Amino acid sequence: MPDITRAGDKERIATNLRKGVLEYCVLALLSQRDMYGLELANELTGRGLSASEGSLYPLLARMREAEAVDTRWETAGESGSSRPRRYYAITARGRALLATFSEVWGGIATQVERVLKEEP
């Protein structure tokens, strides 16, 4: 079968999938420990879930409005001379959303795998 994919198809598909799950990946990371924005961005990028600060901060603001995360300001460093950082923490609502996502994701992933493995 000839390759009829177009340049950029793979990245477009990956980008769309990442956008769909990014919120829940953030919640999963925050369920492990509180993090500040750049730390979250670096963690996501390091795991191949690239999230630019330009897309992450609006997402965090929406998550805050939805009461999935809460924030606090901290000054880093013992001297207190560093600029303050906004730390994000998962809330009880965020944990409930993460649990629901995990349940739904497992079912969808299984269903998609079944469809992809079927012979035409």
PDB file of N, CA and C in Angstrom:
ATOM      1  N   MET A   1       0.852  -1.181   0.000  1.00  0.00           N
ATOM      2  CA  MET A   1       0.000   0.000   0.000  1.00  0.00           C
ATOM      3  C   MET A   1       0.895   1.240   0.000  1.00  0.00           C
ATOM      4  N   PRO A   2       0.670   2.158  -0.927  1.00  0.00           N
ATOM      5  CA  PRO A   2       1.524   3.351  -1.000  1.00  0.00           C
ATOM      6  C   PRO A   2       1.282   4.277   0.200  1.00  0.00           C
ATOM      7  N   ASP A   3       2.327   5.010   0.549  1.00  0.00           N
ATOM      8  CA  ASP A   3       2.222   5.967   1.659  1.00  0.00           C
ATOM      9  C   ASP A   3       1.571   7.238   1.134  1.00  0.00           C
ATOM     10  N   ILE A   4       0.348   7.506   1.576  1.00  0.00           N
ATOM     11  CA  ILE A   4      -0.358   8.698   1.098  1.00  0.00           C
ATOM     12  C   ILE A   4      -0.525   9.737   2.205  1.00  0.00           C
ATOM     13  N   THR A   5       0.236   9.568   3.286  1.00  0.00           N
ATOM     14  CA  THR A   5       0.160  10.562   4.356  1.00  0.00           C
ATOM     15  C   THR A   5       0.792  11.854   3.873  1.00  0.00           C
ATOM     16  N   ARG A   6       0.373  12.920   4.464  1.00  0.00           N
ATOM     17  CA  ARG A   6       0.904  14.244   4.129  1.00  0.00           C
ATOM     18  C   ARG A   6       1.897  14.664   5.191  1.00  0.00           C
ATOM     19  N   ALA A   7       2.807  15.516   4.794  1.00  0.00           N
ATOM     20  CA  ALA A   7       3.764  16.064   5.753  1.00  0.00           C
ATOM     21  C   ALA A   7       2.985  16.733   6.875  1.00  0.00           C
ATOM     22  N   GLY A   8       3.335  16.422   8.092  1.00  0.00           N
ATOM     23  CA  GLY A   8       2.686  17.050   9.232  1.00  0.00           C
ATOM     24  C   GLY A   8       1.505  16.282   9.799  1.00  0.00           C
ATOM     25  N   ASP A   9       1.049  15.228   9.114  1.00  0.00           N
ATOM     26  CA  ASP A   9      -0.098  14.461   9.618  1.00  0.00           C
ATOM     27  C   ASP A   9       0.171  13.901  11.009  1.00  0.00           C
ATOM     28  N   LYS A  10       1.329  13.291  11.168  1.00  0.00           N
ATOM     29  CA  LYS A  10       1.661  12.652  12.447  1.00  0.00           C
ATOM     30  C   LYS A  10       1.668  13.674  13.580  1.00  0.00           C
ATOM     31  N   GLU A  11       2.297  14.822  13.350  1.00  0.00           N
ATOM     32  CA  GLU A  11       2.371  15.849  14.401  1.00  0.00           C
ATOM     33  C   GLU A  11       1.002  16.452  14.686  1.00  0.00           C
ATOM     34  N   ARG A  12       0.181  16.636  13.650  1.00  0.00           N
ATOM     35  CA  ARG A  12      -1.171  17.187  13.846  1.00  0.00           C
ATOM     36  C   ARG A  12      -2.006  16.246  14.709  1.00  0.00           C
ATOM     37  N   ILE A  13      -1.926  14.954  14.422  1.00  0.00           N
ATOM     38  CA  ILE A  13      -2.674  13.966  15.200  1.00  0.00           C
ATOM     39  C   ILE A  13      -2.180  13.956  16.645  1.00  0.00           C
ATOM     40  N   ALA A  14      -0.859  13.938  16.822  1.00  0.00           N
ATOM     41  CA  ALA A  14      -0.282  13.927  18.170  1.00  0.00           C
ATOM     42  C   ALA A  14      -0.675  15.182  18.941  1.00  0.00           C
ATOM     43  N   THR A  15      -0.649  16.327  18.287  1.00  0.00           N
ATOM     44  CA  THR A  15      -1.016  17.584  18.937  1.00  0.00           C
ATOM     45  C   THR A  15      -2.463  17.559  19.402  1.00  0.00           C
ATOM     46  N   ASN A  16      -3.354  17.079  18.547  1.00  0.00           N
ATOM     47  CA  ASN A  16      -4.771  17.015  18.920  1.00  0.00           C
ATOM     48  C   ASN A  16      -5.005  16.074  20.097  1.00  0.00           C
ATOM     49  N   LEU A  17      -4.314  14.933  20.103  1.00  0.00           N
ATOM     50  CA  LEU A  17      -4.464  13.999  21.224  1.00  0.00           C
ATOM     51  C   LEU A  17      -3.917  14.615  22.515  1.00  0.00           C
ATOM     52  N   ARG A  18      -2.754  15.247  22.431  1.00  0.00           N
ATOM     53  CA  ARG A  18      -2.176  15.877  23.634  1.00  0.00           C
ATOM     54  C   ARG A  18      -3.093  16.956  24.190  1.00  0.00           C
ATOM     55  N   LYS A  19      -3.677  17.773  23.318  1.00  0.00           N
ATOM     56  CA  LYS A  19      -4.595  18.825  23.772  1.00  0.00           C
ATOM     57  C   LYS A  19      -5.761  18.231  24.553  1.00  0.00           C
ATOM     58  N   GLY A  20      -6.240  17.087  24.093  1.00  0.00           N
ATOM     59  CA  GLY A  20      -7.390  16.458  24.727  1.00  0.00           C
ATOM     60  C   GLY A  20      -7.113  15.897  26.106  1.00  0.00           C
ATOM     61  N   VAL A  21      -5.872  15.519  26.362  1.00  0.00           N
ATOM     62  CA  VAL A  21      -5.552  14.877  27.641  1.00  0.00           C
ATOM     63  C   VAL A  21      -4.686  15.740  28.555  1.00  0.00           C
ATOM     64  N   LEU A  22      -4.254  16.891  28.077  1.00  0.00           N
ATOM     65  CA  LEU A  22      -3.309  17.711  28.836  1.00  0.00           C
ATOM     66  C   LEU A  22      -3.814  18.073  30.236  1.00  0.00           C
ATOM     67  N   GLU A  23      -5.065  18.473  30.339  1.00  0.00           N
ATOM     68  CA  GLU A  23      -5.627  18.852  31.636  1.00  0.00           C
ATOM     69  C   GLU A  23      -5.488  17.712  32.648  1.00  0.00           C
ATOM     70  N   TYR A  24      -5.734  16.504  32.204  1.00  0.00           N
ATOM     71  CA  TYR A  24      -5.702  15.360  33.115  1.00  0.00           C
ATOM     72  C   TYR A  24      -4.271  14.930  33.429  1.00  0.00           C
ATOM     73  N   CYS A  25      -3.363  15.162  32.495  1.00  0.00           N
ATOM     74  CA  CYS A  25      -1.943  14.920  32.778  1.00  0.00           C
ATOM     75  C   CYS A  25      -1.445  15.911  33.826  1.00  0.00           C
ATOM     76  N   VAL A  26      -1.899  17.158  33.735  1.00  0.00           N
ATOM     77  CA  VAL A  26      -1.548  18.162  34.749  1.00  0.00           C
ATOM     78  C   VAL A  26      -2.088  17.722  36.107  1.00  0.00           C
ATOM     79  N   LEU A  27      -3.334  17.289  36.149  1.00  0.00           N
ATOM     80  CA  LEU A  27      -3.910  16.832  37.415  1.00  0.00           C
ATOM     81  C   LEU A  27      -3.141  15.641  37.974  1.00  0.00           C
ATOM     82  N   ALA A  28      -2.730  14.717  37.100  1.00  0.00           N
ATOM     83  CA  ALA A  28      -1.968  13.555  37.560  1.00  0.00           C
ATOM     84  C   ALA A  28      -0.634  13.985  38.163  1.00  0.00           C
ATOM     85  N   LEU A  29       0.040  14.929  37.522  1.00  0.00           N
ATOM     86  CA  LEU A  29       1.312  15.421  38.074  1.00  0.00           C
ATOM     87  C   LEU A  29       1.098  16.127  39.411  1.00  0.00           C
ATOM     88  N   LEU A  30       0.036  16.927  39.486  1.00  0.00           N
ATOM     89  CA  LEU A  30      -0.237  17.655  40.729  1.00  0.00           C
ATOM     90  C   LEU A  30      -0.714  16.720  41.842  1.00  0.00           C
ATOM     91  N   SER A  31      -1.201  15.546  41.482  1.00  0.00           N
ATOM     92  CA  SER A  31      -1.596  14.594  42.516  1.00  0.00           C
ATOM     93  C   SER A  31      -0.365  14.022  43.228  1.00  0.00           C
ATOM     94  N   GLN A  32       0.796  14.156  42.591  1.00  0.00           N
ATOM     95  CA  GLN A  32       2.051  13.686  43.182  1.00  0.00           C
ATOM     96  C   GLN A  32       2.679  14.747  44.088  1.00  0.00           C
ATOM     97  N   ARG A  33       2.589  16.024  43.650  1.00  0.00           N
ATOM     98  CA  ARG A  33       3.125  17.129  44.450  1.00  0.00           C
ATOM     99  C   ARG A  33       2.716  18.448  43.827  1.00  0.00           C
ATOM    100  N   ASP A  34       2.705  19.499  44.626  1.00  0.00           N
ATOM    101  CA  ASP A  34       2.411  20.837  44.132  1.00  0.00           C
ATOM    102  C   ASP A  34       3.569  21.292  43.248  1.00  0.00           C
ATOM    103  N   MET A  35       3.260  22.063  42.206  1.00  0.00           N
ATOM    104  CA  MET A  35       4.280  22.555  41.289  1.00  0.00           C
ATOM    105  C   MET A  35       3.932  23.963  40.841  1.00  0.00           C
ATOM    106  N   TYR A  36       4.962  24.707  40.422  1.00  0.00           N
ATOM    107  CA  TYR A  36       4.717  26.012  39.815  1.00  0.00           C
ATOM    108  C   TYR A  36       4.666  25.831  38.294  1.00  0.00           C
ATOM    109  N   GLY A  37       4.174  26.825  37.589  1.00  0.00           N
ATOM    110  CA  GLY A  37       3.888  26.710  36.167  1.00  0.00           C
ATOM    111  C   GLY A  37       5.042  26.232  35.302  1.00  0.00           C
ATOM    112  N   LEU A  38       6.200  26.872  35.415  1.00  0.00           N
ATOM    113  CA  LEU A  38       7.339  26.487  34.590  1.00  0.00           C
ATOM    114  C   LEU A  38       7.785  25.060  34.911  1.00  0.00           C
ATOM    115  N   GLU A  39       7.682  24.688  36.161  1.00  0.00           N
ATOM    116  CA  GLU A  39       8.023  23.328  36.580  1.00  0.00           C
ATOM    117  C   GLU A  39       7.069  22.314  35.905  1.00  0.00           C
ATOM    118  N   LEU A  40       5.791  22.647  35.876  1.00  0.00           N
ATOM    119  CA  LEU A  40       4.811  21.799  35.186  1.00  0.00           C
ATOM    120  C   LEU A  40       5.127  21.704  33.700  1.00  0.00           C
ATOM    121  N   ALA A  41       5.415  22.838  33.073  1.00  0.00           N
ATOM    122  CA  ALA A  41       5.736  22.852  31.647  1.00  0.00           C
ATOM    123  C   ALA A  41       6.945  21.977  31.358  1.00  0.00           C
ATOM    124  N   ASN A  42       7.978  22.093  32.168  1.00  0.00           N
ATOM    125  CA  ASN A  42       9.188  21.285  31.977  1.00  0.00           C
ATOM    126  C   ASN A  42       8.899  19.802  32.177  1.00  0.00           C
ATOM    127  N   GLU A  43       8.101  19.484  33.162  1.00  0.00           N
ATOM    128  CA  GLU A  43       7.747  18.084  33.443  1.00  0.00           C
ATOM    129  C   GLU A  43       6.960  17.491  32.274  1.00  0.00           C
ATOM    130  N   LEU A  44       6.010  18.234  31.755  1.00  0.00           N
ATOM    131  CA  LEU A  44       5.211  17.760  30.630  1.00  0.00           C
ATOM    132  C   LEU A  44       6.069  17.597  29.380  1.00  0.00           C
ATOM    133  N   THR A  45       6.925  18.573  29.122  1.00  0.00           N
ATOM    134  CA  THR A  45       7.811  18.503  27.956  1.00  0.00           C
ATOM    135  C   THR A  45       8.752  17.312  28.072  1.00  0.00           C
ATOM    136  N   GLY A  46       9.285  17.094  29.258  1.00  0.00           N
ATOM    137  CA  GLY A  46      10.185  15.974  29.486  1.00  0.00           C
ATOM    138  C   GLY A  46       9.525  14.623  29.274  1.00  0.00           C
ATOM    139  N   ARG A  47       8.221  14.578  29.373  1.00  0.00           N
ATOM    140  CA  ARG A  47       7.477  13.328  29.179  1.00  0.00           C
ATOM    141  C   ARG A  47       6.880  13.229  27.778  1.00  0.00           C
ATOM    142  N   GLY A  48       7.294  14.151  26.898  1.00  0.00           N
ATOM    143  CA  GLY A  48       6.803  14.117  25.518  1.00  0.00           C
ATOM    144  C   GLY A  48       5.405  14.660  25.344  1.00  0.00           C
ATOM    145  N   LEU A  49       4.908  15.364  26.335  1.00  0.00           N
ATOM    146  CA  LEU A  49       3.568  15.950  26.275  1.00  0.00           C
ATOM    147  C   LEU A  49       3.675  17.461  26.127  1.00  0.00           C
ATOM    148  N   SER A  50       4.574  17.893  25.283  1.00  0.00           N
ATOM    149  CA  SER A  50       4.959  19.289  25.189  1.00  0.00           C
ATOM    150  C   SER A  50       3.806  20.246  25.430  1.00  0.00           C
ATOM    151  N   ALA A  51       4.048  21.116  26.361  1.00  0.00           N
ATOM    152  CA  ALA A  51       3.075  22.142  26.704  1.00  0.00           C
ATOM    153  C   ALA A  51       3.829  23.452  26.825  1.00  0.00           C
ATOM    154  N   SER A  52       3.594  24.337  25.883  1.00  0.00           N
ATOM    155  CA  SER A  52       4.249  25.634  25.958  1.00  0.00           C
ATOM    156  C   SER A  52       3.605  26.436  27.089  1.00  0.00           C
ATOM    157  N   GLU A  53       4.371  27.361  27.613  1.00  0.00           N
ATOM    158  CA  GLU A  53       3.812  28.210  28.669  1.00  0.00           C
ATOM    159  C   GLU A  53       2.599  28.967  28.156  1.00  0.00           C
ATOM    160  N   GLY A  54       2.604  29.297  26.864  1.00  0.00           N
ATOM    161  CA  GLY A  54       1.492  30.030  26.262  1.00  0.00           C
ATOM    162  C   GLY A  54       0.190  29.256  26.255  1.00  0.00           C
ATOM    163  N   SER A  55       0.271  27.932  26.238  1.00  0.00           N
ATOM    164  CA  SER A  55      -0.957  27.130  26.285  1.00  0.00           C
ATOM    165  C   SER A  55      -1.236  26.620  27.692  1.00  0.00           C
ATOM    166  N   LEU A  56      -0.180  26.456  28.492  1.00  0.00           N
ATOM    167  CA  LEU A  56      -0.354  25.898  29.828  1.00  0.00           C
ATOM    168  C   LEU A  56      -1.027  26.887  30.784  1.00  0.00           C
ATOM    169  N   TYR A  57      -0.595  28.140  30.786  1.00  0.00           N
ATOM    170  CA  TYR A  57      -1.150  29.091  31.758  1.00  0.00           C
ATOM    171  C   TYR A  57      -2.643  29.364  31.553  1.00  0.00           C
ATOM    172  N   PRO A  58      -3.118  29.505  30.315  1.00  0.00           N
ATOM    173  CA  PRO A  58      -4.581  29.630  30.154  1.00  0.00           C
ATOM    174  C   PRO A  58      -5.315  28.377  30.633  1.00  0.00           C
ATOM    175  N   LEU A  59      -4.728  27.195  30.400  1.00  0.00           N
ATOM    176  CA  LEU A  59      -5.332  25.950  30.886  1.00  0.00           C
ATOM    177  C   LEU A  59      -5.397  25.957  32.405  1.00  0.00           C
ATOM    178  N   LEU A  60      -4.311  26.347  33.055  1.00  0.00           N
ATOM    179  CA  LEU A  60      -4.297  26.397  34.523  1.00  0.00           C
ATOM    180  C   LEU A  60      -5.332  27.382  35.051  1.00  0.00           C
ATOM    181  N   ALA A  61      -5.508  28.507  34.354  1.00  0.00           N
ATOM    182  CA  ALA A  61      -6.522  29.486  34.770  1.00  0.00           C
ATOM    183  C   ALA A  61      -7.923  28.881  34.663  1.00  0.00           C
ATOM    184  N   ARG A  62      -8.182  28.141  33.577  1.00  0.00           N
ATOM    185  CA  ARG A  62      -9.498  27.478  33.427  1.00  0.00           C
ATOM    186  C   ARG A  62      -9.687  26.411  34.501  1.00  0.00           C
ATOM    187  N   MET A  63      -8.636  25.693  34.813  1.00  0.00           N
ATOM    188  CA  MET A  63      -8.717  24.654  35.842  1.00  0.00           C
ATOM    189  C   MET A  63      -8.977  25.275  37.213  1.00  0.00           C
ATOM    190  N   ARG A  64      -8.409  26.444  37.422  1.00  0.00           N
ATOM    191  CA  ARG A  64      -8.640  27.151  38.687  1.00  0.00           C
ATOM    192  C   ARG A  64     -10.099  27.599  38.783  1.00  0.00           C
ATOM    193  N   GLU A  65     -10.621  28.141  37.687  1.00  0.00           N
ATOM    194  CA  GLU A  65     -12.029  28.562  37.654  1.00  0.00           C
ATOM    195  C   GLU A  65     -12.965  27.382  37.874  1.00  0.00           C
ATOM    196  N   ALA A  66     -12.565  26.205  37.386  1.00  0.00           N
ATOM    197  CA  ALA A  66     -13.376  24.994  37.543  1.00  0.00           C
ATOM    198  C   ALA A  66     -13.160  24.335  38.901  1.00  0.00           C
ATOM    199  N   GLU A  67     -12.324  24.941  39.733  1.00  0.00           N
ATOM    200  CA  GLU A  67     -12.017  24.465  41.083  1.00  0.00           C
ATOM    201  C   GLU A  67     -11.340  23.092  41.089  1.00  0.00           C
ATOM    202  N   ALA A  68     -10.594  22.800  40.008  1.00  0.00           N
ATOM    203  CA  ALA A  68      -9.824  21.559  39.941  1.00  0.00           C
ATOM    204  C   ALA A  68      -8.444  21.741  40.569  1.00  0.00           C
ATOM    205  N   VAL A  69      -7.969  22.983  40.575  1.00  0.00           N
ATOM    206  CA  VAL A  69      -6.695  23.308  41.211  1.00  0.00           C
ATOM    207  C   VAL A  69      -6.856  24.566  42.049  1.00  0.00           C
ATOM    208  N   ASP A  70      -5.977  24.703  43.000  1.00  0.00           N
ATOM    209  CA  ASP A  70      -5.908  25.896  43.836  1.00  0.00           C
ATOM    210  C   ASP A  70      -4.481  26.417  43.735  1.00  0.00           C
ATOM    211  N   THR A  71      -4.276  27.662  44.109  1.00  0.00           N
ATOM    212  CA  THR A  71      -2.934  28.225  44.008  1.00  0.00           C
ATOM    213  C   THR A  71      -2.529  28.909  45.304  1.00  0.00           C
ATOM    214  N   ARG A  72      -1.207  29.060  45.429  1.00  0.00           N
ATOM    215  CA  ARG A  72      -0.644  29.845  46.522  1.00  0.00           C
ATOM    216  C   ARG A  72       0.656  30.443  46.002  1.00  0.00           C
ATOM    217  N   TRP A  73       1.046  31.552  46.584  1.00  0.00           N
ATOM    218  CA  TRP A  73       2.303  32.203  46.201  1.00  0.00           C
ATOM    219  C   TRP A  73       3.370  31.855  47.223  1.00  0.00           C
ATOM    220  N   GLU A  74       4.568  31.544  46.715  1.00  0.00           N
ATOM    221  CA  GLU A  74       5.709  31.271  47.585  1.00  0.00           C
ATOM    222  C   GLU A  74       6.932  31.973  47.024  1.00  0.00           C
ATOM    223  N   THR A  75       7.779  32.435  47.922  1.00  0.00           N
ATOM    224  CA  THR A  75       9.053  32.985  47.514  1.00  0.00           C
ATOM    225  C   THR A  75      10.080  31.878  47.648  1.00  0.00           C
ATOM    226  N   ALA A  76      10.772  31.586  46.559  1.00  0.00           N
ATOM    227  CA  ALA A  76      11.756  30.505  46.552  1.00  0.00           C
ATOM    228  C   ALA A  76      13.048  30.978  47.191  1.00  0.00           C
ATOM    229  N   GLY A  77      13.803  30.030  47.701  1.00  0.00           N
ATOM    230  CA  GLY A  77      15.111  30.340  48.258  1.00  0.00           C
ATOM    231  C   GLY A  77      15.047  30.695  49.719  1.00  0.00           C
ATOM    232  N   GLU A  78      16.119  30.372  50.409  1.00  0.00           N
ATOM    233  CA  GLU A  78      16.172  30.637  51.847  1.00  0.00           C
ATOM    234  C   GLU A  78      16.258  32.125  52.157  1.00  0.00           C
ATOM    235  N   SER A  79      16.893  32.879  51.268  1.00  0.00           N
ATOM    236  CA  SER A  79      17.061  34.311  51.531  1.00  0.00           C
ATOM    237  C   SER A  79      15.770  35.077  51.301  1.00  0.00           C
ATOM    238  N   GLY A  80      14.857  34.475  50.558  1.00  0.00           N
ATOM    239  CA  GLY A  80      13.593  35.146  50.270  1.00  0.00           C
ATOM    240  C   GLY A  80      13.746  36.228  49.224  1.00  0.00           C
ATOM    241  N   SER A  81      14.902  36.277  48.556  1.00  0.00           N
ATOM    242  CA  SER A  81      15.138  37.331  47.580  1.00  0.00           C
ATOM    243  C   SER A  81      14.643  36.971  46.183  1.00  0.00           C
ATOM    244  N   SER A  82      14.299  35.709  45.961  1.00  0.00           N
ATOM    245  CA  SER A  82      13.791  35.296  44.650  1.00  0.00           C
ATOM    246  C   SER A  82      12.394  35.840  44.453  1.00  0.00           C
ATOM    247  N   ARG A  83      12.016  35.956  43.194  1.00  0.00           N
ATOM    248  CA  ARG A  83      10.659  36.444  42.940  1.00  0.00           C
ATOM    249  C   ARG A  83       9.651  35.362  43.290  1.00  0.00           C
ATOM    250  N   PRO A  84       8.476  35.755  43.706  1.00  0.00           N
ATOM    251  CA  PRO A  84       7.462  34.778  44.114  1.00  0.00           C
ATOM    252  C   PRO A  84       7.013  33.901  42.947  1.00  0.00           C
ATOM    253  N   ARG A  85       6.662  32.669  43.267  1.00  0.00           N
ATOM    254  CA  ARG A  85       6.141  31.720  42.285  1.00  0.00           C
ATOM    255  C   ARG A  85       4.741  31.301  42.702  1.00  0.00           C
ATOM    256  N   ARG A  86       3.894  31.124  41.711  1.00  0.00           N
ATOM    257  CA  ARG A  86       2.543  30.630  41.978  1.00  0.00           C
ATOM    258  C   ARG A  86       2.577  29.109  41.887  1.00  0.00           C
ATOM    259  N   TYR A  87       2.292  28.467  42.989  1.00  0.00           N
ATOM    260  CA  TYR A  87       2.245  27.007  43.038  1.00  0.00           C
ATOM    261  C   TYR A  87       0.810  26.539  42.840  1.00  0.00           C
ATOM    262  N   TYR A  88       0.672  25.456  42.103  1.00  0.00           N
ATOM    263  CA  TYR A  88      -0.633  24.862  41.829  1.00  0.00           C
ATOM    264  C   TYR A  88      -0.758  23.563  42.615  1.00  0.00           C
ATOM    265  N   ALA A  89      -1.940  23.369  43.190  1.00  0.00           N
ATOM    266  CA  ALA A  89      -2.220  22.168  43.981  1.00  0.00           C
ATOM    267  C   ALA A  89      -3.564  21.601  43.519  1.00  0.00           C
ATOM    268  N   ILE A  90      -3.633  20.293  43.450  1.00  0.00           N
ATOM    269  CA  ILE A  90      -4.888  19.651  43.073  1.00  0.00           C
ATOM    270  C   ILE A  90      -5.873  19.749  44.233  1.00  0.00           C
ATOM    271  N   THR A  91      -7.137  19.947  43.909  1.00  0.00           N
ATOM    272  CA  THR A  91      -8.192  20.035  44.926  1.00  0.00           C
ATOM    273  C   THR A  91      -8.947  18.698  44.976  1.00  0.00           C
ATOM    274  N   ALA A  92      -9.885  18.604  45.905  1.00  0.00           N
ATOM    275  CA  ALA A  92     -10.722  17.400  45.971  1.00  0.00           C
ATOM    276  C   ALA A  92     -11.494  17.231  44.663  1.00  0.00           C
ATOM    277  N   ARG A  93     -11.976  18.336  44.112  1.00  0.00           N
ATOM    278  CA  ARG A  93     -12.681  18.274  42.815  1.00  0.00           C
ATOM    279  C   ARG A  93     -11.737  17.790  41.728  1.00  0.00           C
ATOM    280  N   GLY A  94     -10.503  18.264  41.733  1.00  0.00           N
ATOM    281  CA  GLY A  94      -9.510  17.825  40.753  1.00  0.00           C
ATOM    282  C   GLY A  94      -9.227  16.337  40.865  1.00  0.00           C
ATOM    283  N   ARG A  95      -9.130  15.839  42.104  1.00  0.00           N
ATOM    284  CA  ARG A  95      -8.907  14.399  42.307  1.00  0.00           C
ATOM    285  C   ARG A  95     -10.088  13.579  41.783  1.00  0.00           C
ATOM    286  N   ALA A  96     -11.294  14.089  41.990  1.00  0.00           N
ATOM    287  CA  ALA A  96     -12.483  13.395  41.487  1.00  0.00           C
ATOM    288  C   ALA A  96     -12.486  13.382  39.958  1.00  0.00           C
ATOM    289  N   LEU A  97     -12.141  14.509  39.340  1.00  0.00           N
ATOM    290  CA  LEU A  97     -12.060  14.577  37.882  1.00  0.00           C
ATOM    291  C   LEU A  97     -10.999  13.618  37.349  1.00  0.00           C
ATOM    292  N   LEU A  98      -9.852  13.564  38.015  1.00  0.00           N
ATOM    293  CA  LEU A  98      -8.770  12.679  37.601  1.00  0.00           C
ATOM    294  C   LEU A  98      -9.199  11.213  37.688  1.00  0.00           C
ATOM    295  N   ALA A  99      -9.889  10.853  38.752  1.00  0.00           N
ATOM    296  CA  ALA A  99     -10.371   9.478  38.913  1.00  0.00           C
ATOM    297  C   ALA A  99     -11.372   9.131  37.807  1.00  0.00           C
ATOM    298  N   THR A 100     -12.258  10.060  37.499  1.00  0.00           N
ATOM    299  CA  THR A 100     -13.241   9.827  36.441  1.00  0.00           C
ATOM    300  C   THR A 100     -12.552   9.708  35.090  1.00  0.00           C
ATOM    301  N   PHE A 101     -11.597  10.604  34.827  1.00  0.00           N
ATOM    302  CA  PHE A 101     -10.851  10.535  33.567  1.00  0.00           C
ATOM    303  C   PHE A 101     -10.145   9.191  33.435  1.00  0.00           C
ATOM    304  N   SER A 102      -9.509   8.762  34.502  1.00  0.00           N
ATOM    305  CA  SER A 102      -8.764   7.504  34.478  1.00  0.00           C
ATOM    306  C   SER A 102      -9.685   6.341  34.107  1.00  0.00           C
ATOM    307  N   GLU A 103     -10.855   6.332  34.671  1.00  0.00           N
ATOM    308  CA  GLU A 103     -11.837   5.282  34.378  1.00  0.00           C
ATOM    309  C   GLU A 103     -12.280   5.347  32.910  1.00  0.00           C
ATOM    310  N   VAL A 104     -12.611   6.543  32.457  1.00  0.00           N
ATOM    311  CA  VAL A 104     -13.079   6.726  31.081  1.00  0.00           C
ATOM    312  C   VAL A 104     -11.948   6.424  30.094  1.00  0.00           C
ATOM    313  N   TRP A 105     -10.748   6.930  30.385  1.00  0.00           N
ATOM    314  CA  TRP A 105      -9.601   6.730  29.498  1.00  0.00           C
ATOM    315  C   TRP A 105      -9.316   5.241  29.302  1.00  0.00           C
ATOM    316  N   GLY A 106      -9.358   4.482  30.374  1.00  0.00           N
ATOM    317  CA  GLY A 106      -9.103   3.050  30.269  1.00  0.00           C
ATOM    318  C   GLY A 106     -10.061   2.380  29.305  1.00  0.00           C
ATOM    319  N   GLY A 107     -11.320   2.734  29.394  1.00  0.00           N
ATOM    320  CA  GLY A 107     -12.326   2.163  28.502  1.00  0.00           C
ATOM    321  C   GLY A 107     -12.130   2.595  27.059  1.00  0.00           C
ATOM    322  N   ILE A 108     -11.884   3.869  26.858  1.00  0.00           N
ATOM    323  CA  ILE A 108     -11.701   4.381  25.496  1.00  0.00           C
ATOM    324  C   ILE A 108     -10.432   3.805  24.871  1.00  0.00           C
ATOM    325  N   ALA A 109      -9.342   3.769  25.635  1.00  0.00           N
ATOM    326  CA  ALA A 109      -8.081   3.231  25.111  1.00  0.00           C
ATOM    327  C   ALA A 109      -8.262   1.782  24.682  1.00  0.00           C
ATOM    328  N   THR A 110      -8.975   1.014  25.471  1.00  0.00           N
ATOM    329  CA  THR A 110      -9.231  -0.384  25.131  1.00  0.00           C
ATOM    330  C   THR A 110     -10.063  -0.480  23.865  1.00  0.00           C
ATOM    331  N   GLN A 111     -11.099   0.338  23.766  1.00  0.00           N
ATOM    332  CA  GLN A 111     -11.963   0.310  22.586  1.00  0.00           C
ATOM    333  C   GLN A 111     -11.202   0.723  21.327  1.00  0.00           C
ATOM    334  N   VAL A 112     -10.382   1.750  21.430  1.00  0.00           N
ATOM    335  CA  VAL A 112      -9.603   2.208  20.277  1.00  0.00           C
ATOM    336  C   VAL A 112      -8.616   1.130  19.856  1.00  0.00           C
ATOM    337  N   GLU A 113      -7.942   0.512  20.807  1.00  0.00           N
ATOM    338  CA  GLU A 113      -7.002  -0.567  20.488  1.00  0.00           C
ATOM    339  C   GLU A 113      -7.698  -1.709  19.757  1.00  0.00           C
ATOM    340  N   ARG A 114      -8.887  -2.047  20.204  1.00  0.00           N
ATOM    341  CA  ARG A 114      -9.652  -3.121  19.537  1.00  0.00           C
ATOM    342  C   ARG A 114      -9.951  -2.761  18.087  1.00  0.00           C
ATOM    343  N   VAL A 115     -10.391  -1.530  17.874  1.00  0.00           N
ATOM    344  CA  VAL A 115     -10.727  -1.086  16.515  1.00  0.00           C
ATOM    345  C   VAL A 115      -9.468  -1.061  15.643  1.00  0.00           C
ATOM    346  N   LEU A 116      -8.373  -0.560  16.165  1.00  0.00           N
ATOM    347  CA  LEU A 116      -7.147  -0.470  15.380  1.00  0.00           C
ATOM    348  C   LEU A 116      -6.578  -1.849  15.021  1.00  0.00           C
ATOM    349  N   LYS A 117      -6.807  -2.841  15.851  1.00  0.00           N
ATOM    350  CA  LYS A 117      -6.269  -4.170  15.611  1.00  0.00           C
ATOM    351  C   LYS A 117      -7.142  -5.027  14.702  1.00  0.00           C
ATOM    352  N   GLU A 118      -8.361  -4.579  14.449  1.00  0.00           N
ATOM    353  CA  GLU A 118      -9.270  -5.352  13.582  1.00  0.00           C
ATOM    354  C   GLU A 118      -8.769  -5.325  12.157  1.00  0.00           C
ATOM    355  N   GLU A 119      -8.944  -6.439  11.478  1.00  0.00           N
ATOM    356  CA  GLU A 119      -8.596  -6.533  10.060  1.00  0.00           C
ATOM    357  C   GLU A 119      -9.715  -5.905   9.235  1.00  0.00           C
ATOM    358  N   PRO A 120      -9.362  -5.157   8.191  1.00  0.00           N
ATOM    359  CA  PRO A 120     -10.409  -4.553   7.342  1.00  0.00           C
ATOM    360  C   PRO A 120     -11.214  -5.590   6.581  1.00  0.00           C
TER     361      PRO A 120
END
